[in-house]
Amino acid sequence: MRKHFSAHIEKFLEDNDDLVFITGDLGYNALENLQQKLGEKFINAGVAEQNMTSMAAGMASQGFRVICYSIAPFAVFRCLEQIRNDICFHNLPVFVVGNGGGYGYGIMGSSHHALEDIACLSGLSNMQCYVPAFIEDLNTCMDQMFRNRTPAYLRLGLGKNIPSGLALKDYGAGTPHNSDQKLTILVQGPVANNLWAALNEFDLKKEVAVFVINKMPLKILPKEIEESISHTNNVLTIEEHISIGGLGSSVALLTSELGIPVKKFVSLHAEGYPNGLYGSQAYHQQQSGLDPKNIFSVLSSFFIKTYV
């Protein structure tokens, strides 16, 4: 998503001159176009992410919209106090952009993984988190982020084009409703591509409703999702994030508050490091059951009683 991210900013700059881009010494082979376009408004703050964040807050207080860019764990965890005190409490238009959310940096290990970033940030005052799954909703997330001029976090990953059968929605994307659907799936981030790979092998695909959620915190259930859960009474959530403070826990809370009866609720999420080893993103997804094979198995478990 990095190149699409930088290309979209370049397009934004055609009609806006109040953007400052600060990088924490990262973004090579992806941001050179922005460096050339922005000139002195493109700043390499070096390996000093906390200073970068406070500097961005100062610039934002003077009328600029400011992007702070690094890999997700560096942009979030190293700077959490500055994000909370300098940006969110003052409701400033600083946009924290973290590349490689979840297990994106693979073999680099836990110090380079962001499994708790949404939980850390979505509870802060005035903060809006964006977790696009596809290139198309990356664009819509960025447009809303720039337009709102309030604190934001944009989590980037290995996004692809939106698959056929999904339509863009205010909350992300969704499949059309039909009366045969017996399972409601809510998924967040590029791991949606693993879900789609599993669904492509699933004979009962038409009996599954899929909703891709690209904004957190999830404070209300969109009406069509509420109606889908009420119709199917079965829920599966999928996210490359820990269960606490993420998509699954939010959906469970909102469903409970609405009094919607649920027969079966399964949350697939990042499990950390079950065997204590590090590997590629695909390896960690497999360890957490977020790979297409396990997702297919979980999908099938919802239909066993009905079809076997």
C-alpha atoms as a PDB file:
ATOM      1  CA  MET A   1       0.000   0.000   0.000  1.00  0.00           C
ATOM      2  CA  ARG A   2       2.958   2.369   0.468  1.00  0.00           C
ATOM      3  CA  LYS A   3       3.214   3.445  -3.152  1.00  0.00           C
ATOM      4  CA  HIS A   4      -0.545   3.932  -3.457  1.00  0.00           C
ATOM      5  CA  PHE A   5      -0.414   5.921  -0.208  1.00  0.00           C
ATOM      6  CA  SER A   6       2.295   8.245  -1.518  1.00  0.00           C
ATOM      7  CA  ALA A   7       0.590   8.563  -4.916  1.00  0.00           C
ATOM      8  CA  HIS A   8      -2.665   9.600  -3.248  1.00  0.00           C
ATOM      9  CA  ILE A   9      -0.857  12.249  -1.199  1.00  0.00           C
ATOM     10  CA  GLU A  10       0.786  13.571  -4.361  1.00  0.00           C
ATOM     11  CA  LYS A  11      -2.665  13.952  -5.903  1.00  0.00           C
ATOM     12  CA  PHE A  12      -3.924  15.669  -2.728  1.00  0.00           C
ATOM     13  CA  LEU A  13      -1.092  18.203  -2.963  1.00  0.00           C
ATOM     14  CA  GLU A  14      -2.386  19.451  -6.317  1.00  0.00           C
ATOM     15  CA  ASP A  15      -5.111  21.405  -4.492  1.00  0.00           C
ATOM     16  CA  ASN A  16      -3.691  21.755  -0.965  1.00  0.00           C
ATOM     17  CA  ASP A  17      -0.537  23.437   0.296  1.00  0.00           C
ATOM     18  CA  ASP A  18      -0.905  23.022   4.061  1.00  0.00           C
ATOM     19  CA  LEU A  19       0.509  19.489   4.364  1.00  0.00           C
ATOM     20  CA  VAL A  20       3.790  18.675   6.114  1.00  0.00           C
ATOM     21  CA  PHE A  21       5.258  15.170   5.912  1.00  0.00           C
ATOM     22  CA  ILE A  22       7.635  13.984   8.645  1.00  0.00           C
ATOM     23  CA  THR A  23       9.333  10.593   8.445  1.00  0.00           C
ATOM     24  CA  GLY A  24      11.280   8.822  11.146  1.00  0.00           C
ATOM     25  CA  ASP A  25      14.114   7.922   8.756  1.00  0.00           C
ATOM     26  CA  LEU A  26      11.952   5.454   6.823  1.00  0.00           C
ATOM     27  CA  GLY A  27      10.154   5.279   3.474  1.00  0.00           C
ATOM     28  CA  TYR A  28      12.990   4.776   1.012  1.00  0.00           C
ATOM     29  CA  ASN A  29      11.967   3.627  -2.480  1.00  0.00           C
ATOM     30  CA  ALA A  30       8.418   4.759  -1.703  1.00  0.00           C
ATOM     31  CA  LEU A  31       8.408   8.427  -0.691  1.00  0.00           C
ATOM     32  CA  GLU A  32      10.911  10.065  -3.044  1.00  0.00           C
ATOM     33  CA  ASN A  33       8.066  11.538  -5.091  1.00  0.00           C
ATOM     34  CA  LEU A  34       6.765  13.307  -1.970  1.00  0.00           C
ATOM     35  CA  GLN A  35      10.201  14.578  -1.025  1.00  0.00           C
ATOM     36  CA  GLN A  36      10.506  16.180  -4.442  1.00  0.00           C
ATOM     37  CA  LYS A  37       6.965  17.559  -4.392  1.00  0.00           C
ATOM     38  CA  LEU A  38       6.984  18.916  -0.833  1.00  0.00           C
ATOM     39  CA  GLY A  39      10.508  20.325  -0.709  1.00  0.00           C
ATOM     40  CA  GLU A  40      11.187  21.834   2.736  1.00  0.00           C
ATOM     41  CA  LYS A  41       7.818  20.534   3.971  1.00  0.00           C
ATOM     42  CA  PHE A  42       9.211  17.004   3.734  1.00  0.00           C
ATOM     43  CA  ILE A  43      11.244  16.452   6.903  1.00  0.00           C
ATOM     44  CA  ASN A  44      13.358  13.475   7.939  1.00  0.00           C
ATOM     45  CA  ALA A  45      13.323  13.659  11.741  1.00  0.00           C
ATOM     46  CA  GLY A  46      15.751  10.770  12.041  1.00  0.00           C
ATOM     47  CA  VAL A  47      15.427   7.962  14.571  1.00  0.00           C
ATOM     48  CA  ALA A  48      13.636  10.249  17.034  1.00  0.00           C
ATOM     49  CA  GLU A  49       9.979   9.327  16.813  1.00  0.00           C
ATOM     50  CA  GLN A  50       8.886  11.014  20.066  1.00  0.00           C
ATOM     51  CA  ASN A  51      10.466  14.280  18.962  1.00  0.00           C
ATOM     52  CA  MET A  52       8.866  13.838  15.526  1.00  0.00           C
ATOM     53  CA  THR A  53       5.416  13.517  17.117  1.00  0.00           C
ATOM     54  CA  SER A  54       5.729  16.571  19.360  1.00  0.00           C
ATOM     55  CA  MET A  55       7.160  18.592  16.471  1.00  0.00           C
ATOM     56  CA  ALA A  56       4.161  17.587  14.362  1.00  0.00           C
ATOM     57  CA  ALA A  57       1.803  18.754  17.106  1.00  0.00           C
ATOM     58  CA  GLY A  58       3.518  22.138  17.180  1.00  0.00           C
ATOM     59  CA  MET A  59       3.199  22.534  13.414  1.00  0.00           C
ATOM     60  CA  ALA A  60      -0.435  21.423  13.483  1.00  0.00           C
ATOM     61  CA  SER A  61      -1.179  24.051  16.133  1.00  0.00           C
ATOM     62  CA  GLN A  62      -0.064  26.651  13.578  1.00  0.00           C
ATOM     63  CA  GLY A  63      -2.523  25.530  10.908  1.00  0.00           C
ATOM     64  CA  PHE A  64      -0.726  22.701   9.099  1.00  0.00           C
ATOM     65  CA  ARG A  65      -1.983  19.179   8.529  1.00  0.00           C
ATOM     66  CA  VAL A  66       0.927  16.913   9.430  1.00  0.00           C
ATOM     67  CA  ILE A  67       1.723  13.277   8.630  1.00  0.00           C
ATOM     68  CA  CYS A  68       4.071  11.357  10.950  1.00  0.00           C
ATOM     69  CA  TYR A  69       5.370   8.270   9.130  1.00  0.00           C
ATOM     70  CA  SER A  70       7.248   5.220  10.382  1.00  0.00           C
ATOM     71  CA  ILE A  71       6.691   1.495  10.726  1.00  0.00           C
ATOM     72  CA  ALA A  72       3.651   0.866  12.895  1.00  0.00           C
ATOM     73  CA  PRO A  73       5.303  -0.136  16.211  1.00  0.00           C
ATOM     74  CA  PHE A  74       7.740   2.778  16.066  1.00  0.00           C
ATOM     75  CA  ALA A  75       5.041   5.307  15.152  1.00  0.00           C
ATOM     76  CA  VAL A  76       2.671   4.132  17.896  1.00  0.00           C
ATOM     77  CA  PHE A  77       4.345   2.492  20.878  1.00  0.00           C
ATOM     78  CA  ARG A  78       7.411   4.722  21.126  1.00  0.00           C
ATOM     79  CA  CYS A  79       5.254   7.843  20.914  1.00  0.00           C
ATOM     80  CA  LEU A  80       2.105   6.931  22.812  1.00  0.00           C
ATOM     81  CA  GLU A  81       2.501   9.639  25.463  1.00  0.00           C
ATOM     82  CA  GLN A  82       3.162  12.322  22.835  1.00  0.00           C
ATOM     83  CA  ILE A  83       0.188  11.154  20.750  1.00  0.00           C
ATOM     84  CA  ARG A  84      -2.044  11.255  23.823  1.00  0.00           C
ATOM     85  CA  ASN A  85      -0.882  14.520  25.397  1.00  0.00           C
ATOM     86  CA  ASP A  86       0.323  16.619  22.468  1.00  0.00           C
ATOM     87  CA  ILE A  87      -2.027  15.562  19.678  1.00  0.00           C
ATOM     88  CA  CYS A  88      -5.244  14.033  20.999  1.00  0.00           C
ATOM     89  CA  PHE A  89      -5.877  16.258  24.002  1.00  0.00           C
ATOM     90  CA  HIS A  90      -5.547  19.311  21.723  1.00  0.00           C
ATOM     91  CA  ASN A  91      -7.533  17.697  18.884  1.00  0.00           C
ATOM     92  CA  LEU A  92      -4.854  18.555  16.315  1.00  0.00           C
ATOM     93  CA  PRO A  93      -4.743  17.421  12.662  1.00  0.00           C
ATOM     94  CA  VAL A  94      -1.765  15.097  13.007  1.00  0.00           C
ATOM     95  CA  PHE A  95      -2.038  11.844  11.082  1.00  0.00           C
ATOM     96  CA  VAL A  96       0.107   9.007  12.413  1.00  0.00           C
ATOM     97  CA  VAL A  97       0.841   6.551   9.609  1.00  0.00           C
ATOM     98  CA  GLY A  98       2.190   3.126  10.519  1.00  0.00           C
ATOM     99  CA  ASN A  99       3.404   0.812   7.783  1.00  0.00           C
ATOM    100  CA  GLY A 100       3.406  -2.969   8.246  1.00  0.00           C
ATOM    101  CA  GLY A 101       0.574  -3.396  10.738  1.00  0.00           C
ATOM    102  CA  GLY A 102       0.107  -6.748  12.443  1.00  0.00           C
ATOM    103  CA  TYR A 103       2.872  -9.215  11.597  1.00  0.00           C
ATOM    104  CA  GLY A 104       3.842  -7.196   8.527  1.00  0.00           C
ATOM    105  CA  TYR A 105       7.549  -7.102   9.317  1.00  0.00           C
ATOM    106  CA  GLY A 106       7.661 -10.857   9.809  1.00  0.00           C
ATOM    107  CA  ILE A 107      11.087 -12.229  10.702  1.00  0.00           C
ATOM    108  CA  MET A 108      12.118  -8.903  12.303  1.00  0.00           C
ATOM    109  CA  GLY A 109      10.280 -10.135  15.378  1.00  0.00           C
ATOM    110  CA  SER A 110       8.060  -8.746  18.105  1.00  0.00           C
ATOM    111  CA  SER A 111       9.813  -5.368  18.317  1.00  0.00           C
ATOM    112  CA  HIS A 112       8.725  -4.739  14.714  1.00  0.00           C
ATOM    113  CA  HIS A 113       5.179  -6.122  15.002  1.00  0.00           C
ATOM    114  CA  ALA A 114       2.069  -4.069  15.813  1.00  0.00           C
ATOM    115  CA  LEU A 115      -0.529  -6.370  17.337  1.00  0.00           C
ATOM    116  CA  GLU A 116      -1.944  -3.981  19.959  1.00  0.00           C
ATOM    117  CA  ASP A 117      -1.857  -0.656  18.092  1.00  0.00           C
ATOM    118  CA  ILE A 118      -5.611  -0.301  17.550  1.00  0.00           C
ATOM    119  CA  ALA A 119      -6.290  -1.118  21.210  1.00  0.00           C
ATOM    120  CA  CYS A 120      -3.736   1.482  22.328  1.00  0.00           C
ATOM    121  CA  LEU A 121      -4.961   4.289  20.090  1.00  0.00           C
ATOM    122  CA  SER A 122      -8.708   3.826  19.610  1.00  0.00           C
ATOM    123  CA  GLY A 123      -9.397   4.640  23.253  1.00  0.00           C
ATOM    124  CA  LEU A 124      -7.682   8.040  23.086  1.00  0.00           C
ATOM    125  CA  SER A 125      -9.828  11.164  22.964  1.00  0.00           C
ATOM    126  CA  ASN A 126     -10.537  12.491  19.455  1.00  0.00           C
ATOM    127  CA  MET A 127      -8.579   9.660  17.790  1.00  0.00           C
ATOM    128  CA  GLN A 128      -9.879   7.908  14.659  1.00  0.00           C
ATOM    129  CA  CYS A 129      -8.108   4.765  13.480  1.00  0.00           C
ATOM    130  CA  TYR A 130      -8.230   3.700   9.825  1.00  0.00           C
ATOM    131  CA  VAL A 131      -7.404   0.114   8.824  1.00  0.00           C
ATOM    132  CA  PRO A 132      -7.930  -0.201   5.061  1.00  0.00           C
ATOM    133  CA  ALA A 133      -8.038  -3.680   3.592  1.00  0.00           C
ATOM    134  CA  PHE A 134      -7.833  -2.792  -0.098  1.00  0.00           C
ATOM    135  CA  ILE A 135      -6.322  -0.105  -2.300  1.00  0.00           C
ATOM    136  CA  GLU A 136      -9.756   1.365  -2.996  1.00  0.00           C
ATOM    137  CA  ASP A 137     -10.713   1.863   0.639  1.00  0.00           C
ATOM    138  CA  LEU A 138      -7.224   3.175   1.392  1.00  0.00           C
ATOM    139  CA  ASN A 139      -8.136   6.099  -0.851  1.00  0.00           C
ATOM    140  CA  THR A 140     -11.482   6.707   0.862  1.00  0.00           C
ATOM    141  CA  CYS A 141      -9.891   6.443   4.316  1.00  0.00           C
ATOM    142  CA  MET A 142      -7.238   9.007   3.386  1.00  0.00           C
ATOM    143  CA  ASP A 143      -9.805  11.386   1.920  1.00  0.00           C
ATOM    144  CA  GLN A 144     -11.831  11.259   5.130  1.00  0.00           C
ATOM    145  CA  MET A 145      -8.717  11.631   7.270  1.00  0.00           C
ATOM    146  CA  PHE A 146      -7.606  14.785   5.452  1.00  0.00           C
ATOM    147  CA  ARG A 147     -11.122  16.216   5.414  1.00  0.00           C
ATOM    148  CA  ASN A 148     -11.809  15.702   9.132  1.00  0.00           C
ATOM    149  CA  ARG A 149      -8.655  17.523  10.311  1.00  0.00           C
ATOM    150  CA  THR A 150      -8.635  15.612  13.612  1.00  0.00           C
ATOM    151  CA  PRO A 151      -6.139  13.130  15.115  1.00  0.00           C
ATOM    152  CA  ALA A 152      -5.909   9.952  13.066  1.00  0.00           C
ATOM    153  CA  TYR A 153      -3.966   6.727  12.762  1.00  0.00           C
ATOM    154  CA  LEU A 154      -3.630   5.028   9.380  1.00  0.00           C
ATOM    155  CA  ARG A 155      -2.464   1.396   9.510  1.00  0.00           C
ATOM    156  CA  LEU A 156      -0.943   0.223   6.227  1.00  0.00           C
ATOM    157  CA  GLY A 157      -0.384  -3.345   5.082  1.00  0.00           C
ATOM    158  CA  LEU A 158      -0.131  -5.458   1.956  1.00  0.00           C
ATOM    159  CA  GLY A 159      -3.428  -4.473   0.392  1.00  0.00           C
ATOM    160  CA  LYS A 160      -4.745  -5.651  -2.959  1.00  0.00           C
ATOM    161  CA  ASN A 161      -7.611  -4.473  -5.151  1.00  0.00           C
ATOM    162  CA  ILE A 162     -11.084  -5.066  -3.783  1.00  0.00           C
ATOM    163  CA  PRO A 163     -12.385  -8.457  -4.981  1.00  0.00           C
ATOM    164  CA  SER A 164     -15.504  -8.820  -7.061  1.00  0.00           C
ATOM    165  CA  GLY A 165     -18.594  -9.330  -4.936  1.00  0.00           C
ATOM    166  CA  LEU A 166     -17.643  -6.644  -2.425  1.00  0.00           C
ATOM    167  CA  ALA A 167     -18.930  -3.077  -2.682  1.00  0.00           C
ATOM    168  CA  LEU A 168     -17.420  -0.073  -0.912  1.00  0.00           C
ATOM    169  CA  LYS A 169     -19.426   1.199   2.074  1.00  0.00           C
ATOM    170  CA  ASP A 170     -19.087   4.005   4.624  1.00  0.00           C
ATOM    171  CA  TYR A 171     -17.682   1.492   7.112  1.00  0.00           C
ATOM    172  CA  GLY A 172     -15.453  -0.290   4.574  1.00  0.00           C
ATOM    173  CA  ALA A 173     -17.017  -2.842   2.240  1.00  0.00           C
ATOM    174  CA  GLY A 174     -19.760  -5.453   2.220  1.00  0.00           C
ATOM    175  CA  THR A 175     -21.549  -8.140   0.253  1.00  0.00           C
ATOM    176  CA  PRO A 176     -25.218  -7.871  -0.768  1.00  0.00           C
ATOM    177  CA  HIS A 177     -27.808  -9.343   1.578  1.00  0.00           C
ATOM    178  CA  ASN A 178     -29.757 -12.444   0.674  1.00  0.00           C
ATOM    179  CA  SER A 179     -32.206 -14.502   2.721  1.00  0.00           C
ATOM    180  CA  ASP A 180     -30.076 -17.664   2.476  1.00  0.00           C
ATOM    181  CA  GLN A 181     -27.186 -16.237   4.500  1.00  0.00           C
ATOM    182  CA  LYS A 182     -26.466 -18.192   7.675  1.00  0.00           C
ATOM    183  CA  LEU A 183     -23.196 -16.612   8.837  1.00  0.00           C
ATOM    184  CA  THR A 184     -22.085 -13.003   9.343  1.00  0.00           C
ATOM    185  CA  ILE A 185     -18.346 -12.349   8.975  1.00  0.00           C
ATOM    186  CA  LEU A 186     -16.642  -9.124  10.024  1.00  0.00           C
ATOM    187  CA  VAL A 187     -13.021  -8.722   8.986  1.00  0.00           C
ATOM    188  CA  GLN A 188     -10.477  -5.935   9.334  1.00  0.00           C
ATOM    189  CA  GLY A 189      -7.333  -5.100   7.383  1.00  0.00           C
ATOM    190  CA  PRO A 190      -5.529  -6.878   4.539  1.00  0.00           C
ATOM    191  CA  VAL A 191      -6.087 -10.268   6.205  1.00  0.00           C
ATOM    192  CA  ALA A 192      -9.421  -9.944   4.377  1.00  0.00           C
ATOM    193  CA  ASN A 193      -7.530 -11.327   1.384  1.00  0.00           C
ATOM    194  CA  ASN A 194      -6.997 -14.599   3.289  1.00  0.00           C
ATOM    195  CA  LEU A 195     -10.710 -14.732   4.025  1.00  0.00           C
ATOM    196  CA  TRP A 196     -11.502 -14.202   0.350  1.00  0.00           C
ATOM    197  CA  ALA A 197      -9.076 -16.960  -0.644  1.00  0.00           C
ATOM    198  CA  ALA A 198     -10.891 -19.321   1.735  1.00  0.00           C
ATOM    199  CA  LEU A 199     -14.312 -18.250   0.475  1.00  0.00           C
ATOM    200  CA  ASN A 200     -13.273 -18.916  -3.112  1.00  0.00           C
ATOM    201  CA  GLU A 201     -12.915 -22.595  -2.131  1.00  0.00           C
ATOM    202  CA  PHE A 202     -16.099 -22.642  -0.045  1.00  0.00           C
ATOM    203  CA  ASP A 203     -19.115 -24.202  -1.744  1.00  0.00           C
ATOM    204  CA  LEU A 204     -21.559 -22.281   0.459  1.00  0.00           C
ATOM    205  CA  LYS A 205     -20.145 -18.836  -0.276  1.00  0.00           C
ATOM    206  CA  LYS A 206     -23.589 -17.420  -1.082  1.00  0.00           C
ATOM    207  CA  GLU A 207     -24.717 -18.287   2.439  1.00  0.00           C
ATOM    208  CA  VAL A 208     -22.117 -16.012   4.018  1.00  0.00           C
ATOM    209  CA  ALA A 209     -22.411 -12.248   4.566  1.00  0.00           C
ATOM    210  CA  VAL A 210     -19.058 -10.431   4.651  1.00  0.00           C
ATOM    211  CA  PHE A 211     -18.426  -6.972   6.098  1.00  0.00           C
ATOM    212  CA  VAL A 212     -14.999  -5.315   5.975  1.00  0.00           C
ATOM    213  CA  ILE A 213     -14.573  -2.757   8.777  1.00  0.00           C
ATOM    214  CA  ASN A 214     -11.929  -0.095   8.169  1.00  0.00           C
ATOM    215  CA  LYS A 215     -12.517   2.317  11.056  1.00  0.00           C
ATOM    216  CA  MET A 216     -12.020   2.015  14.799  1.00  0.00           C
ATOM    217  CA  PRO A 217     -13.260   2.471  17.433  1.00  0.00           C
ATOM    218  CA  LEU A 218     -16.450   0.742  16.352  1.00  0.00           C
ATOM    219  CA  LYS A 219     -18.982   2.674  18.442  1.00  0.00           C
ATOM    220  CA  ILE A 220     -22.150   1.442  16.734  1.00  0.00           C
ATOM    221  CA  LEU A 221     -23.019  -1.453  14.465  1.00  0.00           C
ATOM    222  CA  PRO A 222     -23.995  -0.206  10.993  1.00  0.00           C
ATOM    223  CA  LYS A 223     -27.643  -1.023  10.388  1.00  0.00           C
ATOM    224  CA  GLU A 224     -27.033  -3.641   7.704  1.00  0.00           C
ATOM    225  CA  ILE A 225     -24.540  -5.455   9.954  1.00  0.00           C
ATOM    226  CA  GLU A 226     -26.985  -5.375  12.862  1.00  0.00           C
ATOM    227  CA  GLU A 227     -29.688  -6.798  10.592  1.00  0.00           C
ATOM    228  CA  SER A 228     -27.342  -9.488   9.252  1.00  0.00           C
ATOM    229  CA  ILE A 229     -26.373 -10.702  12.730  1.00  0.00           C
ATOM    230  CA  SER A 230     -30.042 -10.684  13.761  1.00  0.00           C
ATOM    231  CA  HIS A 231     -30.808 -12.808  10.689  1.00  0.00           C
ATOM    232  CA  THR A 232     -27.943 -15.325  10.898  1.00  0.00           C
ATOM    233  CA  ASN A 233     -27.329 -15.441  14.682  1.00  0.00           C
ATOM    234  CA  ASN A 234     -23.807 -16.643  13.842  1.00  0.00           C
ATOM    235  CA  VAL A 235     -20.731 -14.400  13.872  1.00  0.00           C
ATOM    236  CA  LEU A 236     -17.094 -14.796  12.834  1.00  0.00           C
ATOM    237  CA  THR A 237     -14.601 -11.949  13.306  1.00  0.00           C
ATOM    238  CA  ILE A 238     -11.116 -11.919  11.753  1.00  0.00           C
ATOM    239  CA  GLU A 239      -8.306  -9.458  12.521  1.00  0.00           C
ATOM    240  CA  GLU A 240      -4.507  -9.355  12.632  1.00  0.00           C
ATOM    241  CA  HIS A 241      -4.635  -7.798  16.098  1.00  0.00           C
ATOM    242  CA  ILE A 242      -4.992  -9.128  19.626  1.00  0.00           C
ATOM    243  CA  SER A 243      -8.510  -9.927  20.792  1.00  0.00           C
ATOM    244  CA  ILE A 244      -8.563  -7.323  23.575  1.00  0.00           C
ATOM    245  CA  GLY A 245      -9.506  -3.883  22.291  1.00  0.00           C
ATOM    246  CA  GLY A 246      -9.908  -5.031  18.716  1.00  0.00           C
ATOM    247  CA  LEU A 247     -12.685  -5.812  16.266  1.00  0.00           C
ATOM    248  CA  GLY A 248     -13.946  -9.021  17.882  1.00  0.00           C
ATOM    249  CA  SER A 249     -14.355  -7.564  21.352  1.00  0.00           C
ATOM    250  CA  SER A 250     -16.101  -4.476  19.933  1.00  0.00           C
ATOM    251  CA  VAL A 251     -18.568  -6.564  17.908  1.00  0.00           C
ATOM    252  CA  ALA A 252     -19.278  -8.831  20.885  1.00  0.00           C
ATOM    253  CA  LEU A 253     -19.996  -5.838  23.139  1.00  0.00           C
ATOM    254  CA  LEU A 254     -22.242  -4.059  20.639  1.00  0.00           C
ATOM    255  CA  THR A 255     -24.146  -7.237  19.806  1.00  0.00           C
ATOM    256  CA  SER A 256     -24.715  -7.882  23.503  1.00  0.00           C
ATOM    257  CA  GLU A 257     -25.849  -4.301  24.153  1.00  0.00           C
ATOM    258  CA  LEU A 258     -28.377  -4.589  21.323  1.00  0.00           C
ATOM    259  CA  GLY A 259     -29.708  -7.829  22.789  1.00  0.00           C
ATOM    260  CA  ILE A 260     -29.159  -9.781  19.566  1.00  0.00           C
ATOM    261  CA  PRO A 261     -29.148 -13.535  20.264  1.00  0.00           C
ATOM    262  CA  VAL A 262     -26.054 -15.278  18.909  1.00  0.00           C
ATOM    263  CA  LYS A 263     -25.797 -19.039  18.681  1.00  0.00           C
ATOM    264  CA  LYS A 264     -22.091 -19.143  17.840  1.00  0.00           C
ATOM    265  CA  PHE A 265     -19.403 -16.449  17.969  1.00  0.00           C
ATOM    266  CA  VAL A 266     -15.814 -17.150  16.871  1.00  0.00           C
ATOM    267  CA  SER A 267     -12.975 -14.618  16.992  1.00  0.00           C
ATOM    268  CA  LEU A 268      -9.865 -15.253  14.891  1.00  0.00           C
ATOM    269  CA  HIS A 269      -7.101 -12.869  15.956  1.00  0.00           C
ATOM    270  CA  ALA A 270      -3.367 -12.523  16.478  1.00  0.00           C
ATOM    271  CA  GLU A 271      -2.251 -15.022  19.098  1.00  0.00           C
ATOM    272  CA  GLY A 272       1.199 -13.528  19.637  1.00  0.00           C
ATOM    273  CA  TYR A 273       3.946 -16.162  19.444  1.00  0.00           C
ATOM    274  CA  PRO A 274       2.519 -19.543  20.526  1.00  0.00           C
ATOM    275  CA  ASN A 275       5.772 -21.464  19.923  1.00  0.00           C
ATOM    276  CA  GLY A 276       8.188 -18.623  20.703  1.00  0.00           C
ATOM    277  CA  LEU A 277       9.532 -18.512  17.146  1.00  0.00           C
ATOM    278  CA  TYR A 278       9.609 -15.736  14.538  1.00  0.00           C
ATOM    279  CA  GLY A 279       8.986 -16.122  10.828  1.00  0.00           C
ATOM    280  CA  SER A 280       7.298 -14.484   7.859  1.00  0.00           C
ATOM    281  CA  GLN A 281       3.939 -12.765   8.085  1.00  0.00           C
ATOM    282  CA  ALA A 282       2.346 -15.826   6.484  1.00  0.00           C
ATOM    283  CA  TYR A 283       3.991 -18.031   9.136  1.00  0.00           C
ATOM    284  CA  HIS A 284       2.590 -15.956  11.996  1.00  0.00           C
ATOM    285  CA  GLN A 285      -0.835 -15.849  10.373  1.00  0.00           C
ATOM    286  CA  GLN A 286      -0.761 -19.632  10.202  1.00  0.00           C
ATOM    287  CA  GLN A 287       0.279 -19.858  13.849  1.00  0.00           C
ATOM    288  CA  SER A 288      -2.700 -17.658  14.784  1.00  0.00           C
ATOM    289  CA  GLY A 289      -5.170 -19.475  12.538  1.00  0.00           C
ATOM    290  CA  LEU A 290      -5.486 -16.491  10.200  1.00  0.00           C
ATOM    291  CA  ASP A 291      -4.342 -18.397   7.106  1.00  0.00           C
ATOM    292  CA  PRO A 292      -6.816 -19.393   4.352  1.00  0.00           C
ATOM    293  CA  LYS A 293      -6.721 -23.076   5.302  1.00  0.00           C
ATOM    294  CA  ASN A 294      -7.760 -22.523   8.905  1.00  0.00           C
ATOM    295  CA  ILE A 295     -10.290 -19.857   7.958  1.00  0.00           C
ATOM    296  CA  PHE A 296     -11.870 -22.403   5.583  1.00  0.00           C
ATOM    297  CA  SER A 297     -11.996 -24.931   8.434  1.00  0.00           C
ATOM    298  CA  VAL A 298     -13.680 -22.442  10.762  1.00  0.00           C
ATOM    299  CA  LEU A 299     -16.158 -21.476   8.038  1.00  0.00           C
ATOM    300  CA  SER A 300     -17.073 -25.121   7.607  1.00  0.00           C
ATOM    301  CA  SER A 301     -17.638 -25.558  11.355  1.00  0.00           C
ATOM    302  CA  PHE A 302     -20.590 -23.158  11.207  1.00  0.00           C
ATOM    303  CA  PHE A 303     -22.372 -25.361   8.667  1.00  0.00           C
ATOM    304  CA  ILE A 304     -21.636 -28.884   9.897  1.00  0.00           C
ATOM    305  CA  LYS A 305     -24.916 -29.418  11.769  1.00  0.00           C
ATOM    306  CA  THR A 306     -26.972 -28.077   8.897  1.00  0.00           C
ATOM    307  CA  TYR A 307     -25.315 -29.906   6.018  1.00  0.00           C
ATOM    308  CA  VAL A 308     -23.786 -33.095   7.384  1.00  0.00           C
END
